[in-house]
Amino acid sequence: MFPVEAIGSTMPDPRIDLPQGTLDLLILRTLALEPQHGWAISERIHQVSSQALFVQQGSLYPALHRLERKGWIKARWGASENNRRAKFYELTRLGHKQLEREENAWRKLAAAVAQILETT
């Protein structure tokens, strides 16, 4: 499990433990749009989740390295929007296939859990 902060939470511990593989799915989905560097990936997840999720660097970079080792993403050096040297990550062909598999599995899981939660 990878802790992700839930911003604005009223719980004593604002972190949410994502189910195994969820962070990978969020990263792959974010990179499906365009190549991005680590900070931009974290910011995109934060923005798209309506500021509900914030991926800490301590979780993000190990996940990026793991996805790279699996061959789902590849990295290249480039210049960021503020002209600083940054590593940009992008999906590989294998990564696109994995994203499709993970999205399908997540949707099935979410539907099943929602069905159970809605049962009276």
N, C-alpha and C. Protein backbone atom coordinates (compact mmCIF):
# COMPACT_ATOMS: atom_id res chain seq x y z
N MET A 1 0.83 -1.17 0.00
CA MET A 1 0.00 0.00 0.00
C MET A 1 0.88 1.24 0.00
N PHE A 2 0.41 2.27 -0.68
CA PHE A 2 1.15 3.52 -0.76
C PHE A 2 0.31 4.61 -0.16
N PRO A 3 0.83 5.29 0.87
CA PRO A 3 0.05 6.38 1.46
C PRO A 3 -0.01 7.58 0.53
N VAL A 4 -1.18 8.12 0.41
CA VAL A 4 -1.41 9.33 -0.36
C VAL A 4 -2.20 10.26 0.55
N GLU A 5 -1.78 11.51 0.63
CA GLU A 5 -2.49 12.44 1.50
C GLU A 5 -3.83 12.82 0.91
N ALA A 6 -4.84 12.86 1.76
CA ALA A 6 -6.15 13.36 1.39
C ALA A 6 -6.25 14.77 1.95
N ILE A 7 -6.14 15.75 1.11
CA ILE A 7 -6.12 17.15 1.53
C ILE A 7 -7.50 17.56 2.04
N GLY A 8 -7.52 18.31 3.12
CA GLY A 8 -8.78 18.83 3.65
C GLY A 8 -9.58 17.81 4.43
N SER A 9 -8.98 16.69 4.71
CA SER A 9 -9.67 15.65 5.46
C SER A 9 -9.82 16.04 6.92
N THR A 10 -10.91 15.63 7.54
CA THR A 10 -11.11 15.91 8.95
C THR A 10 -10.63 14.76 9.82
N MET A 11 -10.13 13.72 9.21
CA MET A 11 -9.62 12.59 9.96
C MET A 11 -8.32 12.99 10.65
N PRO A 12 -7.99 12.35 11.80
CA PRO A 12 -6.74 12.67 12.48
C PRO A 12 -5.52 12.41 11.60
N ASP A 13 -5.51 11.34 10.85
CA ASP A 13 -4.42 11.04 9.92
C ASP A 13 -4.96 11.24 8.51
N PRO A 14 -4.52 12.29 7.81
CA PRO A 14 -5.10 12.62 6.51
C PRO A 14 -4.66 11.70 5.37
N ARG A 15 -3.79 10.73 5.63
CA ARG A 15 -3.33 9.85 4.56
C ARG A 15 -4.36 8.77 4.26
N ILE A 16 -4.44 8.42 2.99
CA ILE A 16 -5.30 7.32 2.54
C ILE A 16 -4.36 6.24 2.02
N ASP A 17 -4.53 5.03 2.50
CA ASP A 17 -3.74 3.93 1.97
C ASP A 17 -4.46 3.41 0.73
N LEU A 18 -3.85 3.65 -0.42
CA LEU A 18 -4.44 3.19 -1.68
C LEU A 18 -4.28 1.68 -1.80
N PRO A 19 -5.28 1.00 -2.34
CA PRO A 19 -5.11 -0.44 -2.59
C PRO A 19 -3.90 -0.67 -3.50
N GLN A 20 -3.27 -1.82 -3.32
CA GLN A 20 -2.10 -2.17 -4.12
C GLN A 20 -2.37 -1.95 -5.61
N GLY A 21 -1.48 -1.28 -6.28
CA GLY A 21 -1.60 -1.06 -7.71
C GLY A 21 -2.31 0.22 -8.11
N THR A 22 -2.99 0.88 -7.16
CA THR A 22 -3.75 2.08 -7.50
C THR A 22 -2.84 3.23 -7.91
N LEU A 23 -1.74 3.42 -7.20
CA LEU A 23 -0.82 4.49 -7.57
C LEU A 23 -0.26 4.25 -8.97
N ASP A 24 0.06 3.00 -9.27
CA ASP A 24 0.54 2.68 -10.62
C ASP A 24 -0.50 3.07 -11.66
N LEU A 25 -1.75 2.74 -11.39
CA LEU A 25 -2.84 3.07 -12.32
C LEU A 25 -2.94 4.59 -12.50
N LEU A 26 -2.87 5.34 -11.41
CA LEU A 26 -2.97 6.80 -11.49
C LEU A 26 -1.83 7.38 -12.32
N ILE A 27 -0.63 6.85 -12.13
CA ILE A 27 0.53 7.33 -12.88
C ILE A 27 0.38 6.99 -14.36
N LEU A 28 0.03 5.73 -14.66
CA LEU A 28 -0.13 5.32 -16.06
C LEU A 28 -1.20 6.17 -16.74
N ARG A 29 -2.31 6.40 -16.06
CA ARG A 29 -3.40 7.19 -16.66
C ARG A 29 -2.95 8.63 -16.92
N THR A 30 -2.20 9.18 -15.99
CA THR A 30 -1.70 10.54 -16.15
C THR A 30 -0.75 10.64 -17.34
N LEU A 31 0.10 9.63 -17.50
CA LEU A 31 1.07 9.65 -18.60
C LEU A 31 0.44 9.30 -19.95
N ALA A 32 -0.79 8.80 -19.95
CA ALA A 32 -1.46 8.49 -21.21
C ALA A 32 -1.73 9.76 -22.00
N LEU A 33 -1.81 10.89 -21.32
CA LEU A 33 -2.09 12.16 -21.98
C LEU A 33 -0.87 12.71 -22.70
N GLU A 34 0.28 12.70 -22.01
CA GLU A 34 1.52 13.23 -22.58
C GLU A 34 2.67 12.90 -21.64
N PRO A 35 3.89 12.91 -22.15
CA PRO A 35 5.05 12.71 -21.27
C PRO A 35 5.11 13.84 -20.23
N GLN A 36 5.48 13.47 -19.00
CA GLN A 36 5.56 14.46 -17.93
C GLN A 36 6.70 14.11 -16.98
N HIS A 37 7.20 15.11 -16.28
CA HIS A 37 8.21 14.85 -15.26
C HIS A 37 7.48 14.57 -13.94
N GLY A 38 8.22 14.08 -12.96
CA GLY A 38 7.62 13.63 -11.71
C GLY A 38 6.74 14.65 -11.02
N TRP A 39 7.25 15.87 -10.85
CA TRP A 39 6.47 16.88 -10.16
C TRP A 39 5.15 17.14 -10.91
N ALA A 40 5.20 17.17 -12.24
CA ALA A 40 3.99 17.42 -13.04
C ALA A 40 2.99 16.27 -12.89
N ILE A 41 3.49 15.05 -12.77
CA ILE A 41 2.60 13.90 -12.56
C ILE A 41 1.86 14.06 -11.23
N SER A 42 2.60 14.39 -10.19
CA SER A 42 2.01 14.60 -8.87
C SER A 42 0.98 15.73 -8.90
N GLU A 43 1.32 16.83 -9.55
CA GLU A 43 0.41 17.97 -9.65
C GLU A 43 -0.85 17.62 -10.43
N ARG A 44 -0.70 16.87 -11.51
CA ARG A 44 -1.86 16.48 -12.33
C ARG A 44 -2.82 15.62 -11.51
N ILE A 45 -2.29 14.64 -10.78
CA ILE A 45 -3.13 13.79 -9.94
C ILE A 45 -3.85 14.66 -8.90
N HIS A 46 -3.14 15.61 -8.33
CA HIS A 46 -3.72 16.52 -7.34
C HIS A 46 -4.85 17.34 -7.96
N GLN A 47 -4.62 17.88 -9.15
CA GLN A 47 -5.62 18.71 -9.81
C GLN A 47 -6.83 17.91 -10.25
N VAL A 48 -6.61 16.79 -10.91
CA VAL A 48 -7.72 16.00 -11.45
C VAL A 48 -8.57 15.40 -10.33
N SER A 49 -7.96 15.14 -9.18
CA SER A 49 -8.73 14.59 -8.05
C SER A 49 -9.42 15.70 -7.25
N SER A 50 -9.50 16.90 -7.82
CA SER A 50 -10.08 18.07 -7.14
C SER A 50 -9.36 18.34 -5.82
N GLN A 51 -8.05 18.22 -5.87
CA GLN A 51 -7.16 18.46 -4.73
C GLN A 51 -7.36 17.46 -3.58
N ALA A 52 -8.01 16.34 -3.84
CA ALA A 52 -8.25 15.35 -2.79
C ALA A 52 -7.03 14.46 -2.56
N LEU A 53 -6.23 14.23 -3.59
CA LEU A 53 -5.07 13.34 -3.47
C LEU A 53 -3.79 14.11 -3.72
N PHE A 54 -2.80 13.83 -2.90
CA PHE A 54 -1.47 14.41 -3.09
C PHE A 54 -0.46 13.29 -2.94
N VAL A 55 0.24 12.98 -4.01
CA VAL A 55 1.22 11.89 -4.00
C VAL A 55 2.56 12.44 -3.53
N GLN A 56 3.04 11.93 -2.43
CA GLN A 56 4.33 12.34 -1.88
C GLN A 56 5.46 11.83 -2.76
N GLN A 57 6.56 12.58 -2.82
CA GLN A 57 7.72 12.17 -3.61
C GLN A 57 8.25 10.82 -3.16
N GLY A 58 8.16 10.54 -1.87
CA GLY A 58 8.64 9.27 -1.33
C GLY A 58 7.86 8.06 -1.84
N SER A 59 6.66 8.28 -2.34
CA SER A 59 5.88 7.21 -2.97
C SER A 59 5.98 7.27 -4.48
N LEU A 60 6.00 8.50 -5.03
CA LEU A 60 5.98 8.68 -6.48
C LEU A 60 7.21 8.13 -7.17
N TYR A 61 8.39 8.52 -6.72
CA TYR A 61 9.60 8.14 -7.45
C TYR A 61 9.91 6.64 -7.39
N PRO A 62 9.71 5.98 -6.26
CA PRO A 62 9.87 4.52 -6.29
C PRO A 62 8.87 3.85 -7.26
N ALA A 63 7.65 4.39 -7.33
CA ALA A 63 6.66 3.84 -8.25
C ALA A 63 7.10 4.06 -9.70
N LEU A 64 7.61 5.25 -10.01
CA LEU A 64 8.09 5.52 -11.38
C LEU A 64 9.22 4.57 -11.75
N HIS A 65 10.15 4.36 -10.83
CA HIS A 65 11.26 3.45 -11.11
C HIS A 65 10.78 2.01 -11.30
N ARG A 66 9.79 1.60 -10.50
CA ARG A 66 9.22 0.26 -10.64
C ARG A 66 8.53 0.10 -12.00
N LEU A 67 7.76 1.10 -12.41
CA LEU A 67 7.07 1.04 -13.71
C LEU A 67 8.08 1.02 -14.86
N GLU A 68 9.18 1.73 -14.68
CA GLU A 68 10.22 1.75 -15.71
C GLU A 68 10.89 0.37 -15.81
N ARG A 69 11.16 -0.25 -14.67
CA ARG A 69 11.75 -1.60 -14.67
C ARG A 69 10.83 -2.62 -15.33
N LYS A 70 9.53 -2.45 -15.17
CA LYS A 70 8.56 -3.36 -15.78
C LYS A 70 8.39 -3.12 -17.28
N GLY A 71 8.95 -2.01 -17.78
CA GLY A 71 8.85 -1.70 -19.19
C GLY A 71 7.56 -1.00 -19.58
N TRP A 72 6.82 -0.50 -18.59
CA TRP A 72 5.54 0.16 -18.86
C TRP A 72 5.72 1.64 -19.16
N ILE A 73 6.81 2.21 -18.68
CA ILE A 73 7.14 3.60 -19.00
C ILE A 73 8.62 3.67 -19.36
N LYS A 74 8.99 4.74 -20.04
CA LYS A 74 10.40 5.00 -20.32
C LYS A 74 10.67 6.45 -19.98
N ALA A 75 11.94 6.75 -19.73
CA ALA A 75 12.31 8.09 -19.31
C ALA A 75 13.36 8.68 -20.23
N ARG A 76 13.33 10.00 -20.34
CA ARG A 76 14.36 10.73 -21.08
C ARG A 76 14.54 12.06 -20.38
N TRP A 77 15.73 12.61 -20.52
CA TRP A 77 16.02 13.89 -19.90
C TRP A 77 15.58 15.02 -20.83
N GLY A 78 15.06 16.09 -20.25
CA GLY A 78 14.64 17.25 -21.02
C GLY A 78 14.57 18.46 -20.11
N ALA A 79 14.06 19.54 -20.63
CA ALA A 79 13.93 20.79 -19.87
C ALA A 79 12.48 20.96 -19.44
N SER A 80 12.30 21.28 -18.18
CA SER A 80 10.95 21.51 -17.65
C SER A 80 10.45 22.89 -18.09
N GLU A 81 9.22 23.20 -17.70
CA GLU A 81 8.62 24.48 -18.09
C GLU A 81 9.39 25.68 -17.53
N ASN A 82 10.14 25.49 -16.44
CA ASN A 82 10.97 26.58 -15.91
C ASN A 82 12.45 26.41 -16.33
N ASN A 83 12.64 25.64 -17.40
CA ASN A 83 13.94 25.44 -18.03
C ASN A 83 14.97 24.74 -17.13
N ARG A 84 14.49 23.89 -16.24
CA ARG A 84 15.37 23.08 -15.41
C ARG A 84 15.45 21.68 -15.98
N ARG A 85 16.58 21.04 -15.81
CA ARG A 85 16.76 19.67 -16.28
C ARG A 85 15.85 18.74 -15.48
N ALA A 86 15.07 17.93 -16.19
CA ALA A 86 14.12 17.03 -15.54
C ALA A 86 14.00 15.74 -16.34
N LYS A 87 13.66 14.68 -15.65
CA LYS A 87 13.43 13.39 -16.29
C LYS A 87 11.96 13.31 -16.67
N PHE A 88 11.68 13.13 -17.95
CA PHE A 88 10.31 13.03 -18.45
C PHE A 88 9.97 11.56 -18.67
N TYR A 89 8.80 11.17 -18.21
CA TYR A 89 8.33 9.79 -18.33
C TYR A 89 7.22 9.73 -19.35
N GLU A 90 7.19 8.62 -20.10
CA GLU A 90 6.10 8.41 -21.06
C GLU A 90 5.76 6.94 -21.12
N LEU A 91 4.53 6.66 -21.53
CA LEU A 91 4.08 5.27 -21.64
C LEU A 91 4.74 4.59 -22.83
N THR A 92 5.04 3.31 -22.64
CA THR A 92 5.50 2.48 -23.75
C THR A 92 4.28 1.75 -24.32
N ARG A 93 4.49 0.99 -25.36
CA ARG A 93 3.40 0.20 -25.91
C ARG A 93 2.87 -0.78 -24.85
N LEU A 94 3.81 -1.40 -24.12
CA LEU A 94 3.40 -2.29 -23.03
C LEU A 94 2.62 -1.53 -21.96
N GLY A 95 3.02 -0.30 -21.69
CA GLY A 95 2.34 0.53 -20.71
C GLY A 95 0.91 0.85 -21.10
N HIS A 96 0.70 1.10 -22.39
CA HIS A 96 -0.68 1.35 -22.87
C HIS A 96 -1.55 0.12 -22.65
N LYS A 97 -1.00 -1.05 -22.95
CA LYS A 97 -1.75 -2.30 -22.75
C LYS A 97 -2.04 -2.54 -21.28
N GLN A 98 -1.03 -2.29 -20.43
CA GLN A 98 -1.21 -2.47 -19.00
C GLN A 98 -2.24 -1.50 -18.45
N LEU A 99 -2.22 -0.26 -18.91
CA LEU A 99 -3.21 0.73 -18.49
C LEU A 99 -4.62 0.25 -18.82
N GLU A 100 -4.81 -0.27 -20.00
CA GLU A 100 -6.13 -0.77 -20.38
C GLU A 100 -6.58 -1.91 -19.46
N ARG A 101 -5.66 -2.84 -19.17
CA ARG A 101 -6.00 -3.96 -18.26
C ARG A 101 -6.34 -3.44 -16.87
N GLU A 102 -5.53 -2.51 -16.37
CA GLU A 102 -5.75 -2.01 -15.01
C GLU A 102 -7.03 -1.17 -14.91
N GLU A 103 -7.32 -0.38 -15.94
CA GLU A 103 -8.57 0.39 -15.93
C GLU A 103 -9.77 -0.54 -15.90
N ASN A 104 -9.75 -1.58 -16.71
CA ASN A 104 -10.86 -2.54 -16.74
C ASN A 104 -11.02 -3.23 -15.39
N ALA A 105 -9.91 -3.66 -14.78
CA ALA A 105 -9.96 -4.33 -13.48
C ALA A 105 -10.48 -3.38 -12.41
N TRP A 106 -10.02 -2.13 -12.44
CA TRP A 106 -10.47 -1.15 -11.44
C TRP A 106 -11.96 -0.88 -11.57
N ARG A 107 -12.45 -0.73 -12.80
CA ARG A 107 -13.88 -0.47 -13.00
C ARG A 107 -14.73 -1.63 -12.49
N LYS A 108 -14.28 -2.86 -12.74
CA LYS A 108 -15.02 -4.04 -12.24
C LYS A 108 -15.03 -4.06 -10.72
N LEU A 109 -13.87 -3.79 -10.11
CA LEU A 109 -13.78 -3.77 -8.66
C LEU A 109 -14.65 -2.68 -8.07
N ALA A 110 -14.56 -1.47 -8.62
CA ALA A 110 -15.35 -0.34 -8.11
C ALA A 110 -16.85 -0.62 -8.23
N ALA A 111 -17.27 -1.22 -9.33
CA ALA A 111 -18.69 -1.54 -9.51
C ALA A 111 -19.14 -2.58 -8.49
N ALA A 112 -18.30 -3.58 -8.25
CA ALA A 112 -18.66 -4.62 -7.28
C ALA A 112 -18.75 -4.06 -5.88
N VAL A 113 -17.79 -3.22 -5.49
CA VAL A 113 -17.81 -2.62 -4.16
C VAL A 113 -19.02 -1.69 -4.02
N ALA A 114 -19.29 -0.89 -5.05
CA ALA A 114 -20.45 0.01 -5.01
C ALA A 114 -21.74 -0.78 -4.86
N GLN A 115 -21.83 -1.89 -5.54
CA GLN A 115 -23.03 -2.72 -5.46
C GLN A 115 -23.22 -3.23 -4.04
N ILE A 116 -22.15 -3.66 -3.41
CA ILE A 116 -22.24 -4.15 -2.03
C ILE A 116 -22.62 -3.01 -1.07
N LEU A 117 -22.00 -1.84 -1.26
CA LEU A 117 -22.28 -0.71 -0.38
C LEU A 117 -23.72 -0.21 -0.51
N GLU A 118 -24.31 -0.38 -1.68
CA GLU A 118 -25.68 0.09 -1.91
C GLU A 118 -26.75 -0.91 -1.48
N THR A 119 -26.31 -2.10 -1.10
CA THR A 119 -27.24 -3.12 -0.67
C THR A 119 -27.77 -2.78 0.72
N THR A 120 -29.08 -2.90 0.89
CA THR A 120 -29.67 -2.59 2.20
C THR A 120 -29.86 -3.81 3.03
